[in-house]
Amino acid sequence: MTTYTIPQKAIILPKFPQVSLKSFWILGLISIMALSVFYVFQINSFTKEIYSLKGYENKLASLERENEALEINSAKTNSLANLDSLVKEQNFKKAGNVKYIRIIESSVATK
């Protein structure tokens, strides 16, 4: 039995620059410190946002309570019990006889 091989071009990988172990550790420490500072600033801004959100929620709750109180006050003011006193204050009089004008449907209004 005969074996045949197909010739292929060899893949040549690029050569990476040599990095010393000391420069690798220095670069790693600088990266860790920079990311730590970035983390602290992000946590600080996140905390500020949470406190402002809590403040807005408290303000919203107080405005909802005030709105309910105003709705109750409005309902009391516009009730039928207060209607009689309002009519007397405005000097309205009770209507006696009501007469309606009858319009004949066959008539046409002219100028």
PDB file of N, CA and C in Angstrom:
ATOM      1  N   MET A   1       0.830  -1.156   0.000  1.00  0.00           N
ATOM      2  CA  MET A   1       0.000   0.000   0.000  1.00  0.00           C
ATOM      3  C   MET A   1       0.890   1.240   0.000  1.00  0.00           C
ATOM      4  N   THR A   2       0.495   2.175  -0.795  1.00  0.00           N
ATOM      5  CA  THR A   2       1.276   3.393  -0.934  1.00  0.00           C
ATOM      6  C   THR A   2       0.524   4.566  -0.316  1.00  0.00           C
ATOM      7  N   THR A   3       1.237   5.421   0.375  1.00  0.00           N
ATOM      8  CA  THR A   3       0.643   6.608   0.989  1.00  0.00           C
ATOM      9  C   THR A   3       1.104   7.832   0.217  1.00  0.00           C
ATOM     10  N   TYR A   4       0.144   8.637  -0.108  1.00  0.00           N
ATOM     11  CA  TYR A   4       0.450   9.874  -0.807  1.00  0.00           C
ATOM     12  C   TYR A   4       0.222  11.042   0.147  1.00  0.00           C
ATOM     13  N   THR A   5       1.027  12.040   0.075  1.00  0.00           N
ATOM     14  CA  THR A   5       0.864  13.244   0.908  1.00  0.00           C
ATOM     15  C   THR A   5       0.681  14.443  -0.005  1.00  0.00           C
ATOM     16  N   ILE A   6      -0.116  15.388   0.500  1.00  0.00           N
ATOM     17  CA  ILE A   6      -0.343  16.621  -0.259  1.00  0.00           C
ATOM     18  C   ILE A   6       0.514  17.704   0.373  1.00  0.00           C
ATOM     19  N   PRO A   7       1.370  18.312  -0.388  1.00  0.00           N
ATOM     20  CA  PRO A   7       2.220  19.358   0.195  1.00  0.00           C
ATOM     21  C   PRO A   7       1.405  20.616   0.491  1.00  0.00           C
ATOM     22  N   GLN A   8       1.591  21.184   1.680  1.00  0.00           N
ATOM     23  CA  GLN A   8       0.912  22.419   2.073  1.00  0.00           C
ATOM     24  C   GLN A   8       1.952  23.415   2.532  1.00  0.00           C
ATOM     25  N   LYS A   9       1.580  24.702   2.419  1.00  0.00           N
ATOM     26  CA  LYS A   9       2.476  25.748   2.884  1.00  0.00           C
ATOM     27  C   LYS A   9       2.429  25.791   4.408  1.00  0.00           C
ATOM     28  N   ALA A  10       3.520  26.013   5.006  1.00  0.00           N
ATOM     29  CA  ALA A  10       3.596  26.099   6.460  1.00  0.00           C
ATOM     30  C   ALA A  10       3.043  27.451   6.921  1.00  0.00           C
ATOM     31  N   ILE A  11       2.267  27.445   8.020  1.00  0.00           N
ATOM     32  CA  ILE A  11       1.726  28.675   8.581  1.00  0.00           C
ATOM     33  C   ILE A  11       2.763  29.250   9.536  1.00  0.00           C
ATOM     34  N   ILE A  12       3.138  30.481   9.281  1.00  0.00           N
ATOM     35  CA  ILE A  12       4.143  31.122  10.116  1.00  0.00           C
ATOM     36  C   ILE A  12       3.428  32.140  11.004  1.00  0.00           C
ATOM     37  N   LEU A  13       3.512  31.953  12.289  1.00  0.00           N
ATOM     38  CA  LEU A  13       2.893  32.870  13.236  1.00  0.00           C
ATOM     39  C   LEU A  13       3.793  34.080  13.444  1.00  0.00           C
ATOM     40  N   PRO A  14       3.169  35.260  13.653  1.00  0.00           N
ATOM     41  CA  PRO A  14       4.004  36.444  13.883  1.00  0.00           C
ATOM     42  C   PRO A  14       4.697  36.343  15.236  1.00  0.00           C
ATOM     43  N   LYS A  15       5.829  36.940  15.319  1.00  0.00           N
ATOM     44  CA  LYS A  15       6.578  36.932  16.572  1.00  0.00           C
ATOM     45  C   LYS A  15       6.153  38.128  17.408  1.00  0.00           C
ATOM     46  N   PHE A  16       5.760  37.846  18.630  1.00  0.00           N
ATOM     47  CA  PHE A  16       5.362  38.907  19.550  1.00  0.00           C
ATOM     48  C   PHE A  16       6.596  39.417  20.270  1.00  0.00           C
ATOM     49  N   PRO A  17       6.555  40.712  20.638  1.00  0.00           N
ATOM     50  CA  PRO A  17       7.725  41.253  21.343  1.00  0.00           C
ATOM     51  C   PRO A  17       7.866  40.612  22.720  1.00  0.00           C
ATOM     52  N   GLN A  18       9.066  40.471  23.154  1.00  0.00           N
ATOM     53  CA  GLN A  18       9.353  39.898  24.457  1.00  0.00           C
ATOM     54  C   GLN A  18       9.026  40.928  25.538  1.00  0.00           C
ATOM     55  N   VAL A  19       8.254  40.510  26.535  1.00  0.00           N
ATOM     56  CA  VAL A  19       7.879  41.387  27.638  1.00  0.00           C
ATOM     57  C   VAL A  19       8.509  40.804  28.894  1.00  0.00           C
ATOM     58  N   SER A  20       9.175  41.676  29.609  1.00  0.00           N
ATOM     59  CA  SER A  20       9.818  41.186  30.828  1.00  0.00           C
ATOM     60  C   SER A  20       8.773  41.008  31.920  1.00  0.00           C
ATOM     61  N   LEU A  21       9.074  40.154  32.864  1.00  0.00           N
ATOM     62  CA  LEU A  21       8.145  39.860  33.948  1.00  0.00           C
ATOM     63  C   LEU A  21       7.914  41.091  34.826  1.00  0.00           C
ATOM     64  N   LYS A  22       8.938  41.901  35.018  1.00  0.00           N
ATOM     65  CA  LYS A  22       8.824  43.098  35.849  1.00  0.00           C
ATOM     66  C   LYS A  22       7.869  44.100  35.210  1.00  0.00           C
ATOM     67  N   SER A  23       7.971  44.347  33.917  1.00  0.00           N
ATOM     68  CA  SER A  23       7.073  45.299  33.251  1.00  0.00           C
ATOM     69  C   SER A  23       5.642  44.746  33.218  1.00  0.00           C
ATOM     70  N   PHE A  24       5.490  43.426  33.122  1.00  0.00           N
ATOM     71  CA  PHE A  24       4.162  42.811  33.156  1.00  0.00           C
ATOM     72  C   PHE A  24       3.481  43.069  34.503  1.00  0.00           C
ATOM     73  N   TRP A  25       4.203  42.899  35.608  1.00  0.00           N
ATOM     74  CA  TRP A  25       3.645  43.141  36.944  1.00  0.00           C
ATOM     75  C   TRP A  25       3.339  44.618  37.161  1.00  0.00           C
ATOM     76  N   ILE A  26       4.181  45.500  36.687  1.00  0.00           N
ATOM     77  CA  ILE A  26       3.940  46.943  36.845  1.00  0.00           C
ATOM     78  C   ILE A  26       2.689  47.350  36.071  1.00  0.00           C
ATOM     79  N   LEU A  27       2.567  46.876  34.835  1.00  0.00           N
ATOM     80  CA  LEU A  27       1.386  47.186  34.031  1.00  0.00           C
ATOM     81  C   LEU A  27       0.122  46.609  34.676  1.00  0.00           C
ATOM     82  N   GLY A  28       0.228  45.419  35.250  1.00  0.00           N
ATOM     83  CA  GLY A  28      -0.916  44.815  35.930  1.00  0.00           C
ATOM     84  C   GLY A  28      -1.350  45.612  37.151  1.00  0.00           C
ATOM     85  N   LEU A  29      -0.400  46.061  37.959  1.00  0.00           N
ATOM     86  CA  LEU A  29      -0.727  46.851  39.150  1.00  0.00           C
ATOM     87  C   LEU A  29      -1.334  48.198  38.783  1.00  0.00           C
ATOM     88  N   ILE A  30      -0.786  48.823  37.750  1.00  0.00           N
ATOM     89  CA  ILE A  30      -1.348  50.110  37.303  1.00  0.00           C
ATOM     90  C   ILE A  30      -2.777  49.910  36.817  1.00  0.00           C
ATOM     91  N   SER A  31      -3.029  48.839  36.098  1.00  0.00           N
ATOM     92  CA  SER A  31      -4.385  48.543  35.621  1.00  0.00           C
ATOM     93  C   SER A  31      -5.336  48.298  36.787  1.00  0.00           C
ATOM     94  N   ILE A  32      -4.889  47.551  37.779  1.00  0.00           N
ATOM     95  CA  ILE A  32      -5.740  47.273  38.944  1.00  0.00           C
ATOM     96  C   ILE A  32      -6.064  48.551  39.705  1.00  0.00           C
ATOM     97  N   MET A  33      -5.071  49.428  39.878  1.00  0.00           N
ATOM     98  CA  MET A  33      -5.323  50.692  40.593  1.00  0.00           C
ATOM     99  C   MET A  33      -6.278  51.577  39.794  1.00  0.00           C
ATOM    100  N   ALA A  34      -6.097  51.669  38.487  1.00  0.00           N
ATOM    101  CA  ALA A  34      -6.984  52.500  37.663  1.00  0.00           C
ATOM    102  C   ALA A  34      -8.417  51.975  37.703  1.00  0.00           C
ATOM    103  N   LEU A  35      -8.589  50.666  37.614  1.00  0.00           N
ATOM    104  CA  LEU A  35      -9.932  50.094  37.672  1.00  0.00           C
ATOM    105  C   LEU A  35     -10.554  50.264  39.051  1.00  0.00           C
ATOM    106  N   SER A  36      -9.732  50.219  40.105  1.00  0.00           N
ATOM    107  CA  SER A  36     -10.257  50.438  41.465  1.00  0.00           C
ATOM    108  C   SER A  36     -10.770  51.862  41.628  1.00  0.00           C
ATOM    109  N   VAL A  37     -10.013  52.837  41.121  1.00  0.00           N
ATOM    110  CA  VAL A  37     -10.455  54.237  41.199  1.00  0.00           C
ATOM    111  C   VAL A  37     -11.745  54.415  40.412  1.00  0.00           C
ATOM    112  N   PHE A  38     -11.819  53.836  39.226  1.00  0.00           N
ATOM    113  CA  PHE A  38     -13.034  53.905  38.409  1.00  0.00           C
ATOM    114  C   PHE A  38     -14.217  53.268  39.138  1.00  0.00           C
ATOM    115  N   TYR A  39     -13.999  52.168  39.819  1.00  0.00           N
ATOM    116  CA  TYR A  39     -15.039  51.484  40.578  1.00  0.00           C
ATOM    117  C   TYR A  39     -15.560  52.368  41.707  1.00  0.00           C
ATOM    118  N   VAL A  40     -14.657  53.036  42.411  1.00  0.00           N
ATOM    119  CA  VAL A  40     -15.064  53.908  43.519  1.00  0.00           C
ATOM    120  C   VAL A  40     -15.933  55.051  42.991  1.00  0.00           C
ATOM    121  N   PHE A  41     -15.554  55.651  41.869  1.00  0.00           N
ATOM    122  CA  PHE A  41     -16.355  56.742  41.311  1.00  0.00           C
ATOM    123  C   PHE A  41     -17.723  56.252  40.852  1.00  0.00           C
ATOM    124  N   GLN A  42     -17.791  55.073  40.295  1.00  0.00           N
ATOM    125  CA  GLN A  42     -19.083  54.536  39.872  1.00  0.00           C
ATOM    126  C   GLN A  42     -19.984  54.240  41.067  1.00  0.00           C
ATOM    127  N   ILE A  43     -19.429  53.677  42.116  1.00  0.00           N
ATOM    128  CA  ILE A  43     -20.231  53.396  43.319  1.00  0.00           C
ATOM    129  C   ILE A  43     -20.732  54.701  43.934  1.00  0.00           C
ATOM    130  N   ASN A  44     -19.888  55.734  43.928  1.00  0.00           N
ATOM    131  CA  ASN A  44     -20.279  57.027  44.471  1.00  0.00           C
ATOM    132  C   ASN A  44     -21.458  57.612  43.682  1.00  0.00           C
ATOM    133  N   SER A  45     -21.379  57.597  42.368  1.00  0.00           N
ATOM    134  CA  SER A  45     -22.477  58.151  41.567  1.00  0.00           C
ATOM    135  C   SER A  45     -23.735  57.294  41.702  1.00  0.00           C
ATOM    136  N   PHE A  46     -23.572  55.991  41.816  1.00  0.00           N
ATOM    137  CA  PHE A  46     -24.713  55.098  42.003  1.00  0.00           C
ATOM    138  C   PHE A  46     -25.413  55.396  43.324  1.00  0.00           C
ATOM    139  N   THR A  47     -24.651  55.631  44.368  1.00  0.00           N
ATOM    140  CA  THR A  47     -25.219  55.948  45.679  1.00  0.00           C
ATOM    141  C   THR A  47     -25.972  57.275  45.638  1.00  0.00           C
ATOM    142  N   LYS A  48     -25.409  58.271  44.961  1.00  0.00           N
ATOM    143  CA  LYS A  48     -26.097  59.562  44.817  1.00  0.00           C
ATOM    144  C   LYS A  48     -27.435  59.387  44.106  1.00  0.00           C
ATOM    145  N   GLU A  49     -27.462  58.589  43.074  1.00  0.00           N
ATOM    146  CA  GLU A  49     -28.698  58.352  42.330  1.00  0.00           C
ATOM    147  C   GLU A  49     -29.746  57.667  43.194  1.00  0.00           C
ATOM    148  N   ILE A  50     -29.326  56.725  44.019  1.00  0.00           N
ATOM    149  CA  ILE A  50     -30.279  56.026  44.890  1.00  0.00           C
ATOM    150  C   ILE A  50     -30.874  56.991  45.910  1.00  0.00           C
ATOM    151  N   TYR A  51     -30.037  57.848  46.510  1.00  0.00           N
ATOM    152  CA  TYR A  51     -30.552  58.807  47.489  1.00  0.00           C
ATOM    153  C   TYR A  51     -31.503  59.812  46.835  1.00  0.00           C
ATOM    154  N   SER A  52     -31.172  60.274  45.644  1.00  0.00           N
ATOM    155  CA  SER A  52     -32.081  61.213  44.975  1.00  0.00           C
ATOM    156  C   SER A  52     -33.384  60.519  44.594  1.00  0.00           C
ATOM    157  N   LEU A  53     -33.318  59.255  44.207  1.00  0.00           N
ATOM    158  CA  LEU A  53     -34.526  58.497  43.879  1.00  0.00           C
ATOM    159  C   LEU A  53     -35.409  58.337  45.112  1.00  0.00           C
ATOM    160  N   LYS A  54     -34.803  58.046  46.259  1.00  0.00           N
ATOM    161  CA  LYS A  54     -35.576  57.930  47.505  1.00  0.00           C
ATOM    162  C   LYS A  54     -36.238  59.263  47.846  1.00  0.00           C
ATOM    163  N   GLY A  55     -35.511  60.368  47.637  1.00  0.00           N
ATOM    164  CA  GLY A  55     -36.091  61.689  47.892  1.00  0.00           C
ATOM    165  C   GLY A  55     -37.286  61.959  46.994  1.00  0.00           C
ATOM    166  N   TYR A  56     -37.167  61.591  45.713  1.00  0.00           N
ATOM    167  CA  TYR A  56     -38.284  61.785  44.799  1.00  0.00           C
ATOM    168  C   TYR A  56     -39.470  60.900  45.174  1.00  0.00           C
ATOM    169  N   GLU A  57     -39.208  59.685  45.624  1.00  0.00           N
ATOM    170  CA  GLU A  57     -40.305  58.806  46.051  1.00  0.00           C
ATOM    171  C   GLU A  57     -41.011  59.376  47.279  1.00  0.00           C
ATOM    172  N   ASN A  58     -40.253  59.931  48.226  1.00  0.00           N
ATOM    173  CA  ASN A  58     -40.867  60.544  49.410  1.00  0.00           C
ATOM    174  C   ASN A  58     -41.709  61.751  49.018  1.00  0.00           C
ATOM    175  N   LYS A  59     -41.187  62.569  48.094  1.00  0.00           N
ATOM    176  CA  LYS A  59     -41.926  63.746  47.640  1.00  0.00           C
ATOM    177  C   LYS A  59     -43.194  63.322  46.909  1.00  0.00           C
ATOM    178  N   LEU A  60     -43.106  62.270  46.109  1.00  0.00           N
ATOM    179  CA  LEU A  60     -44.275  61.768  45.396  1.00  0.00           C
ATOM    180  C   LEU A  60     -45.337  61.271  46.376  1.00  0.00           C
ATOM    181  N   ALA A  61     -44.912  60.567  47.419  1.00  0.00           N
ATOM    182  CA  ALA A  61     -45.867  60.069  48.415  1.00  0.00           C
ATOM    183  C   ALA A  61     -46.557  61.226  49.136  1.00  0.00           C
ATOM    184  N   SER A  62     -45.804  62.269  49.476  1.00  0.00           N
ATOM    185  CA  SER A  62     -46.425  63.415  50.156  1.00  0.00           C
ATOM    186  C   SER A  62     -47.385  64.149  49.218  1.00  0.00           C
ATOM    187  N   LEU A  63     -47.041  64.250  47.932  1.00  0.00           N
ATOM    188  CA  LEU A  63     -47.953  64.892  46.978  1.00  0.00           C
ATOM    189  C   LEU A  63     -49.213  64.056  46.761  1.00  0.00           C
ATOM    190  N   GLU A  64     -49.084  62.738  46.799  1.00  0.00           N
ATOM    191  CA  GLU A  64     -50.270  61.885  46.679  1.00  0.00           C
ATOM    192  C   GLU A  64     -51.192  62.061  47.882  1.00  0.00           C
ATOM    193  N   ARG A  65     -50.614  62.150  49.085  1.00  0.00           N
ATOM    194  CA  ARG A  65     -51.446  62.384  50.283  1.00  0.00           C
ATOM    195  C   ARG A  65     -52.132  63.747  50.203  1.00  0.00           C
ATOM    196  N   GLU A  66     -51.405  64.759  49.749  1.00  0.00           N
ATOM    197  CA  GLU A  66     -51.986  66.094  49.617  1.00  0.00           C
ATOM    198  C   GLU A  66     -53.097  66.091  48.567  1.00  0.00           C
ATOM    199  N   ASN A  67     -52.903  65.354  47.484  1.00  0.00           N
ATOM    200  CA  ASN A  67     -53.919  65.266  46.438  1.00  0.00           C
ATOM    201  C   ASN A  67     -55.181  64.607  46.963  1.00  0.00           C
ATOM    202  N   GLU A  68     -55.042  63.535  47.749  1.00  0.00           N
ATOM    203  CA  GLU A  68     -56.205  62.874  48.341  1.00  0.00           C
ATOM    204  C   GLU A  68     -56.962  63.825  49.268  1.00  0.00           C
ATOM    205  N   ALA A  69     -56.208  64.597  50.066  1.00  0.00           N
ATOM    206  CA  ALA A  69     -56.851  65.554  50.977  1.00  0.00           C
ATOM    207  C   ALA A  69     -57.608  66.619  50.190  1.00  0.00           C
ATOM    208  N   LEU A  70     -57.013  67.090  49.088  1.00  0.00           N
ATOM    209  CA  LEU A  70     -57.686  68.099  48.269  1.00  0.00           C
ATOM    210  C   LEU A  70     -58.926  67.533  47.580  1.00  0.00           C
ATOM    211  N   GLU A  71     -58.875  66.278  47.154  1.00  0.00           N
ATOM    212  CA  GLU A  71     -60.052  65.658  46.543  1.00  0.00           C
ATOM    213  C   GLU A  71     -61.185  65.521  47.556  1.00  0.00           C
ATOM    214  N   ILE A  72     -60.842  65.140  48.788  1.00  0.00           N
ATOM    215  CA  ILE A  72     -61.858  65.019  49.839  1.00  0.00           C
ATOM    216  C   ILE A  72     -62.453  66.382  50.147  1.00  0.00           C
ATOM    217  N   ASN A  73     -61.612  67.403  50.232  1.00  0.00           N
ATOM    218  CA  ASN A  73     -62.089  68.755  50.499  1.00  0.00           C
ATOM    219  C   ASN A  73     -62.983  69.248  49.359  1.00  0.00           C
ATOM    220  N   SER A  74     -62.615  68.947  48.130  1.00  0.00           N
ATOM    221  CA  SER A  74     -63.420  69.354  46.978  1.00  0.00           C
ATOM    222  C   SER A  74     -64.769  68.651  46.991  1.00  0.00           C
ATOM    223  N   ALA A  75     -64.783  67.369  47.341  1.00  0.00           N
ATOM    224  CA  ALA A  75     -66.047  66.627  47.402  1.00  0.00           C
ATOM    225  C   ALA A  75     -66.953  67.193  48.493  1.00  0.00           C
ATOM    226  N   LYS A  76     -66.366  67.581  49.615  1.00  0.00           N
ATOM    227  CA  LYS A  76     -67.171  68.172  50.696  1.00  0.00           C
ATOM    228  C   LYS A  76     -67.728  69.526  50.279  1.00  0.00           C
ATOM    229  N   THR A  77     -66.945  70.312  49.577  1.00  0.00           N
ATOM    230  CA  THR A  77     -67.376  71.647  49.170  1.00  0.00           C
ATOM    231  C   THR A  77     -68.489  71.576  48.135  1.00  0.00           C
ATOM    232  N   ASN A  78     -68.421  70.630  47.232  1.00  0.00           N
ATOM    233  CA  ASN A  78     -69.396  70.531  46.156  1.00  0.00           C
ATOM    234  C   ASN A  78     -70.543  69.573  46.467  1.00  0.00           C
ATOM    235  N   SER A  79     -70.776  69.267  47.709  1.00  0.00           N
ATOM    236  CA  SER A  79     -71.843  68.326  48.065  1.00  0.00           C
ATOM    237  C   SER A  79     -73.206  69.018  48.005  1.00  0.00           C
ATOM    238  N   LEU A  80     -74.266  68.209  47.978  1.00  0.00           N
ATOM    239  CA  LEU A  80     -75.621  68.753  47.909  1.00  0.00           C
ATOM    240  C   LEU A  80     -76.007  69.492  49.181  1.00  0.00           C
ATOM    241  N   ALA A  81     -75.394  69.142  50.304  1.00  0.00           N
ATOM    242  CA  ALA A  81     -75.716  69.826  51.562  1.00  0.00           C
ATOM    243  C   ALA A  81     -75.280  71.290  51.491  1.00  0.00           C
ATOM    244  N   ASN A  82     -74.206  71.566  50.823  1.00  0.00           N
ATOM    245  CA  ASN A  82     -73.721  72.937  50.707  1.00  0.00           C
ATOM    246  C   ASN A  82     -74.394  73.696  49.571  1.00  0.00           C
ATOM    247  N   LEU A  83     -75.153  72.992  48.737  1.00  0.00           N
ATOM    248  CA  LEU A  83     -75.789  73.643  47.596  1.00  0.00           C
ATOM    249  C   LEU A  83     -76.841  74.653  48.040  1.00  0.00           C
ATOM    250  N   ASP A  84     -77.612  74.328  49.077  1.00  0.00           N
ATOM    251  CA  ASP A  84     -78.642  75.267  49.559  1.00  0.00           C
ATOM    252  C   ASP A  84     -78.020  76.564  50.052  1.00  0.00           C
ATOM    253  N   SER A  85     -76.951  76.481  50.815  1.00  0.00           N
ATOM    254  CA  SER A  85     -76.319  77.700  51.313  1.00  0.00           C
ATOM    255  C   SER A  85     -75.700  78.510  50.170  1.00  0.00           C
ATOM    256  N   LEU A  86     -75.185  77.832  49.155  1.00  0.00           N
ATOM    257  CA  LEU A  86     -74.617  78.519  47.998  1.00  0.00           C
ATOM    258  C   LEU A  86     -75.701  79.248  47.211  1.00  0.00           C
ATOM    259  N   VAL A  87     -76.875  78.625  47.081  1.00  0.00           N
ATOM    260  CA  VAL A  87     -77.996  79.253  46.375  1.00  0.00           C
ATOM    261  C   VAL A  87     -78.452  80.494  47.127  1.00  0.00           C
ATOM    262  N   LYS A  88     -78.497  80.415  48.437  1.00  0.00           N
ATOM    263  CA  LYS A  88     -78.928  81.567  49.236  1.00  0.00           C
ATOM    264  C   LYS A  88     -77.902  82.703  49.157  1.00  0.00           C
ATOM    265  N   GLU A  89     -76.621  82.376  49.109  1.00  0.00           N
ATOM    266  CA  GLU A  89     -75.582  83.400  49.000  1.00  0.00           C
ATOM    267  C   GLU A  89     -75.654  84.129  47.669  1.00  0.00           C
ATOM    268  N   GLN A  90     -76.012  83.439  46.615  1.00  0.00           N
ATOM    269  CA  GLN A  90     -76.051  84.035  45.274  1.00  0.00           C
ATOM    270  C   GLN A  90     -77.386  84.743  44.993  1.00  0.00           C
ATOM    271  N   ASN A  91     -78.316  84.703  45.958  1.00  0.00           N
ATOM    272  CA  ASN A  91     -79.627  85.341  45.849  1.00  0.00           C
ATOM    273  C   ASN A  91     -80.444  84.794  44.671  1.00  0.00           C
ATOM    274  N   PHE A  92     -80.393  83.506  44.459  1.00  0.00           N
ATOM    275  CA  PHE A  92     -81.228  82.884  43.449  1.00  0.00           C
ATOM    276  C   PHE A  92     -82.647  82.769  43.991  1.00  0.00           C
ATOM    277  N   LYS A  93     -83.615  82.792  43.087  1.00  0.00           N
ATOM    278  CA  LYS A  93     -85.011  82.631  43.487  1.00  0.00           C
ATOM    279  C   LYS A  93     -85.563  81.400  42.797  1.00  0.00           C
ATOM    280  N   LYS A  94     -86.544  80.787  43.431  1.00  0.00           N
ATOM    281  CA  LYS A  94     -87.145  79.585  42.889  1.00  0.00           C
ATOM    282  C   LYS A  94     -88.026  79.974  41.711  1.00  0.00           C
ATOM    283  N   ALA A  95     -87.924  79.205  40.667  1.00  0.00           N
ATOM    284  CA  ALA A  95     -88.728  79.472  39.474  1.00  0.00           C
ATOM    285  C   ALA A  95     -90.170  79.073  39.740  1.00  0.00           C
ATOM    286  N   GLY A  96     -91.105  79.930  39.309  1.00  0.00           N
ATOM    287  CA  GLY A  96     -92.527  79.642  39.515  1.00  0.00           C
ATOM    288  C   GLY A  96     -93.100  78.934  38.305  1.00  0.00           C
ATOM    289  N   ASN A  97     -93.765  79.678  37.445  1.00  0.00           N
ATOM    290  CA  ASN A  97     -94.352  79.121  36.237  1.00  0.00           C
ATOM    291  C   ASN A  97     -93.313  79.120  35.124  1.00  0.00           C
ATOM    292  N   VAL A  98     -93.262  78.046  34.419  1.00  0.00           N
ATOM    293  CA  VAL A  98     -92.354  77.948  33.281  1.00  0.00           C
ATOM    294  C   VAL A  98     -93.206  77.837  32.035  1.00  0.00           C
ATOM    295  N   LYS A  99     -93.019  78.748  31.114  1.00  0.00           N
ATOM    296  CA  LYS A  99     -93.764  78.722  29.856  1.00  0.00           C
ATOM    297  C   LYS A  99     -92.784  78.482  28.726  1.00  0.00           C
ATOM    298  N   TYR A 100     -93.154  77.552  27.872  1.00  0.00           N
ATOM    299  CA  TYR A 100     -92.304  77.193  26.749  1.00  0.00           C
ATOM    300  C   TYR A 100     -92.882  77.784  25.469  1.00  0.00           C
ATOM    301  N   ILE A 101     -92.042  78.179  24.569  1.00  0.00           N
ATOM    302  CA  ILE A 101     -92.475  78.689  23.273  1.00  0.00           C
ATOM    303  C   ILE A 101     -92.643  77.494  22.348  1.00  0.00           C
ATOM    304  N   ARG A 102     -93.810  77.428  21.727  1.00  0.00           N
ATOM    305  CA  ARG A 102     -94.066  76.330  20.807  1.00  0.00           C
ATOM    306  C   ARG A 102     -93.800  76.814  19.390  1.00  0.00           C
ATOM    307  N   ILE A 103     -92.994  76.056  18.699  1.00  0.00           N
ATOM    308  CA  ILE A 103     -92.674  76.395  17.318  1.00  0.00           C
ATOM    309  C   ILE A 103     -93.383  75.392  16.433  1.00  0.00           C
ATOM    310  N   ILE A 104     -94.112  75.916  15.476  1.00  0.00           N
ATOM    311  CA  ILE A 104     -94.807  75.040  14.538  1.00  0.00           C
ATOM    312  C   ILE A 104     -93.793  74.557  13.536  1.00  0.00           C
ATOM    313  N   GLU A 105     -93.827  73.292  13.275  1.00  0.00           N
ATOM    314  CA  GLU A 105     -92.821  72.714  12.395  1.00  0.00           C
ATOM    315  C   GLU A 105     -92.994  73.128  10.959  1.00  0.00           C
ATOM    316  N   SER A 106     -94.191  73.498  10.571  1.00  0.00           N
ATOM    317  CA  SER A 106     -94.430  73.878   9.170  1.00  0.00           C
ATOM    318  C   SER A 106     -93.994  75.303   8.880  1.00  0.00           C
ATOM    319  N   SER A 107     -93.764  76.123   9.894  1.00  0.00           N
ATOM    320  CA  SER A 107     -93.375  77.513   9.650  1.00  0.00           C
ATOM    321  C   SER A 107     -91.879  77.607   9.393  1.00  0.00           C
ATOM    322  N   VAL A 108     -91.507  78.623   8.612  1.00  0.00           N
ATOM    323  CA  VAL A 108     -90.123  78.840   8.257  1.00  0.00           C
ATOM    324  C   VAL A 108     -89.755  80.252   8.725  1.00  0.00           C
ATOM    325  N   ALA A 109     -88.603  80.370   9.327  1.00  0.00           N
ATOM    326  CA  ALA A 109     -88.156  81.680   9.781  1.00  0.00           C
ATOM    327  C   ALA A 109     -87.567  82.441   8.605  1.00  0.00           C
ATOM    328  N   THR A 110     -87.967  83.669   8.460  1.00  0.00           N
ATOM    329  CA  THR A 110     -87.437  84.519   7.384  1.00  0.00           C
ATOM    330  C   THR A 110     -86.851  85.770   7.976  1.00  0.00           C
ATOM    331  N   LYS A 111     -86.095  86.431   7.182  1.00  0.00           N
ATOM    332  CA  LYS A 111     -85.440  87.650   7.628  1.00  0.00           C
ATOM    333  C   LYS A 111     -86.288  88.846   7.513  1.00  0.00           C
TER     334      LYS A 111
END
